Amino acid sequence: MIELIIEHWKNLDGSSQYLWSVWRDGKRLGVSRPTSLPEDAEQQGLDWCRKSTGGQPDRVTRL
């Protein structure tokens, strides 16, 4: 199973960052640099997943 995880990090200055990571069977395949919008992180993660694994993730989890 391939899972795309979108993480939300809150900074001390009140700003937020979003990162994506792609996992297959409990092993991380890829991770992003921070973005300022959750939609950007998700789209980048989906694009990376399609390019690197040849398909869509089986699940998208937003933390």
N, C-alpha and C. Protein backbone atom coordinates (compact mmCIF):
# COMPACT_ATOMS: atom_id res chain seq x y z
N MET A 1 0.83 -1.17 0.00
CA MET A 1 0.00 0.00 0.00
C MET A 1 0.89 1.25 0.00
N ILE A 2 0.52 2.24 -0.80
CA ILE A 2 1.23 3.51 -0.86
C ILE A 2 0.35 4.58 -0.23
N GLU A 3 0.96 5.33 0.70
CA GLU A 3 0.23 6.37 1.41
C GLU A 3 0.95 7.71 1.27
N LEU A 4 0.18 8.74 0.97
CA LEU A 4 0.68 10.12 0.95
C LEU A 4 0.22 10.78 2.24
N ILE A 5 1.17 11.30 3.00
CA ILE A 5 0.86 11.96 4.26
C ILE A 5 1.18 13.44 4.12
N ILE A 6 0.21 14.29 4.48
CA ILE A 6 0.38 15.73 4.49
C ILE A 6 0.48 16.16 5.95
N GLU A 7 1.62 16.71 6.33
CA GLU A 7 1.85 17.13 7.71
C GLU A 7 1.69 18.64 7.84
N HIS A 8 1.10 19.06 8.94
CA HIS A 8 0.93 20.49 9.25
C HIS A 8 1.79 20.81 10.45
N TRP A 9 2.72 21.73 10.27
CA TRP A 9 3.60 22.16 11.35
C TRP A 9 3.30 23.62 11.67
N LYS A 10 3.11 23.92 12.95
CA LYS A 10 2.91 25.30 13.39
C LYS A 10 4.21 25.81 14.01
N ASN A 11 4.62 26.98 13.55
CA ASN A 11 5.87 27.58 14.03
C ASN A 11 5.61 28.50 15.22
N LEU A 12 6.65 28.80 15.97
CA LEU A 12 6.52 29.66 17.15
C LEU A 12 6.03 31.05 16.79
N ASP A 13 6.30 31.52 15.57
CA ASP A 13 5.87 32.86 15.17
C ASP A 13 4.42 32.88 14.69
N GLY A 14 3.72 31.75 14.77
CA GLY A 14 2.32 31.68 14.38
C GLY A 14 2.09 31.25 12.94
N SER A 15 3.14 31.15 12.16
CA SER A 15 3.01 30.72 10.77
C SER A 15 2.89 29.19 10.72
N SER A 16 2.48 28.70 9.56
CA SER A 16 2.32 27.26 9.36
C SER A 16 3.14 26.81 8.17
N GLN A 17 3.56 25.56 8.21
CA GLN A 17 4.24 24.92 7.09
C GLN A 17 3.58 23.57 6.85
N TYR A 18 3.60 23.14 5.60
CA TYR A 18 3.02 21.86 5.21
C TYR A 18 4.06 21.07 4.43
N LEU A 19 4.18 19.81 4.77
CA LEU A 19 5.11 18.92 4.10
C LEU A 19 4.37 17.66 3.67
N TRP A 20 4.84 17.02 2.62
CA TRP A 20 4.29 15.73 2.23
C TRP A 20 5.38 14.68 2.38
N SER A 21 4.95 13.46 2.60
CA SER A 21 5.84 12.31 2.54
C SER A 21 5.05 11.14 1.95
N VAL A 22 5.76 10.30 1.22
CA VAL A 22 5.14 9.13 0.58
C VAL A 22 5.74 7.89 1.22
N TRP A 23 4.86 6.96 1.60
CA TRP A 23 5.24 5.74 2.31
C TRP A 23 4.72 4.51 1.58
N ARG A 24 5.51 3.46 1.57
CA ARG A 24 5.06 2.17 1.04
C ARG A 24 5.38 1.11 2.09
N ASP A 25 4.34 0.47 2.58
CA ASP A 25 4.48 -0.60 3.56
C ASP A 25 5.37 -0.22 4.74
N GLY A 26 5.16 1.00 5.26
CA GLY A 26 5.88 1.44 6.45
C GLY A 26 7.26 2.02 6.20
N LYS A 27 7.68 2.13 4.94
CA LYS A 27 8.99 2.71 4.61
C LYS A 27 8.80 3.99 3.82
N ARG A 28 9.47 5.03 4.25
CA ARG A 28 9.34 6.31 3.57
C ARG A 28 10.11 6.30 2.25
N LEU A 29 9.42 6.70 1.19
CA LEU A 29 10.02 6.74 -0.14
C LEU A 29 10.51 8.14 -0.51
N GLY A 30 9.81 9.17 -0.03
CA GLY A 30 10.17 10.54 -0.37
C GLY A 30 9.54 11.51 0.59
N VAL A 31 10.16 12.70 0.68
CA VAL A 31 9.68 13.75 1.56
C VAL A 31 9.96 15.10 0.91
N SER A 32 9.14 16.10 1.23
CA SER A 32 9.27 17.41 0.60
C SER A 32 9.95 18.42 1.50
N ARG A 33 10.18 19.57 0.90
CA ARG A 33 10.53 20.77 1.65
C ARG A 33 9.21 21.42 2.06
N PRO A 34 9.24 22.29 3.05
CA PRO A 34 8.01 22.94 3.50
C PRO A 34 7.38 23.84 2.43
N THR A 35 6.05 23.89 2.43
CA THR A 35 5.30 24.83 1.60
C THR A 35 4.36 25.60 2.53
N SER A 36 3.83 26.70 2.04
CA SER A 36 2.98 27.53 2.89
C SER A 36 1.50 27.16 2.79
N LEU A 37 1.12 26.37 1.78
CA LEU A 37 -0.29 26.00 1.60
C LEU A 37 -0.46 24.48 1.57
N PRO A 38 -1.49 23.97 2.25
CA PRO A 38 -1.70 22.52 2.25
C PRO A 38 -2.02 21.98 0.85
N GLU A 39 -2.70 22.77 0.04
CA GLU A 39 -3.04 22.33 -1.31
C GLU A 39 -1.79 22.13 -2.16
N ASP A 40 -0.80 23.02 -1.98
CA ASP A 40 0.46 22.89 -2.72
C ASP A 40 1.20 21.62 -2.30
N ALA A 41 1.24 21.37 -0.99
CA ALA A 41 1.92 20.17 -0.50
C ALA A 41 1.25 18.91 -1.05
N GLU A 42 -0.08 18.89 -1.05
CA GLU A 42 -0.78 17.71 -1.54
C GLU A 42 -0.56 17.50 -3.04
N GLN A 43 -0.64 18.58 -3.81
CA GLN A 43 -0.44 18.45 -5.26
C GLN A 43 0.99 18.00 -5.58
N GLN A 44 1.97 18.56 -4.88
CA GLN A 44 3.35 18.14 -5.09
C GLN A 44 3.54 16.67 -4.74
N GLY A 45 2.93 16.25 -3.64
CA GLY A 45 3.02 14.85 -3.23
C GLY A 45 2.37 13.91 -4.23
N LEU A 46 1.20 14.30 -4.75
CA LEU A 46 0.53 13.48 -5.76
C LEU A 46 1.37 13.39 -7.03
N ASP A 47 1.94 14.53 -7.46
CA ASP A 47 2.79 14.54 -8.65
C ASP A 47 4.01 13.65 -8.46
N TRP A 48 4.65 13.76 -7.30
CA TRP A 48 5.83 12.95 -7.02
C TRP A 48 5.47 11.46 -7.01
N CYS A 49 4.34 11.15 -6.40
CA CYS A 49 3.90 9.77 -6.31
C CYS A 49 3.66 9.19 -7.70
N ARG A 50 2.96 9.92 -8.56
CA ARG A 50 2.71 9.45 -9.92
C ARG A 50 4.01 9.24 -10.69
N LYS A 51 4.92 10.19 -10.55
CA LYS A 51 6.19 10.12 -11.28
C LYS A 51 7.08 8.99 -10.76
N SER A 52 7.13 8.82 -9.45
CA SER A 52 8.06 7.87 -8.84
C SER A 52 7.53 6.45 -8.70
N THR A 53 6.21 6.32 -8.52
CA THR A 53 5.65 4.98 -8.32
C THR A 53 4.80 4.52 -9.50
N GLY A 54 4.50 5.45 -10.40
CA GLY A 54 3.70 5.10 -11.56
C GLY A 54 2.20 5.10 -11.32
N GLY A 55 1.77 5.59 -10.16
CA GLY A 55 0.33 5.59 -9.89
C GLY A 55 -0.04 6.52 -8.75
N GLN A 56 -1.31 6.50 -8.44
CA GLN A 56 -1.87 7.30 -7.35
C GLN A 56 -1.62 6.59 -6.02
N PRO A 57 -1.57 7.35 -4.92
CA PRO A 57 -1.48 6.69 -3.62
C PRO A 57 -2.80 5.98 -3.30
N ASP A 58 -2.70 4.91 -2.52
CA ASP A 58 -3.90 4.20 -2.09
C ASP A 58 -4.66 4.99 -1.03
N ARG A 59 -3.94 5.84 -0.31
CA ARG A 59 -4.57 6.62 0.75
C ARG A 59 -3.83 7.94 0.91
N VAL A 60 -4.59 9.01 1.21
CA VAL A 60 -4.02 10.32 1.55
C VAL A 60 -4.44 10.63 2.98
N THR A 61 -3.46 10.88 3.83
CA THR A 61 -3.72 11.18 5.24
C THR A 61 -3.24 12.59 5.53
N ARG A 62 -4.10 13.38 6.15
CA ARG A 62 -3.74 14.75 6.52
C ARG A 62 -3.58 14.84 8.04
N LEU A 63 -2.40 15.19 8.48
CA LEU A 63 -2.13 15.30 9.92
C LEU A 63 -2.14 16.73 10.36
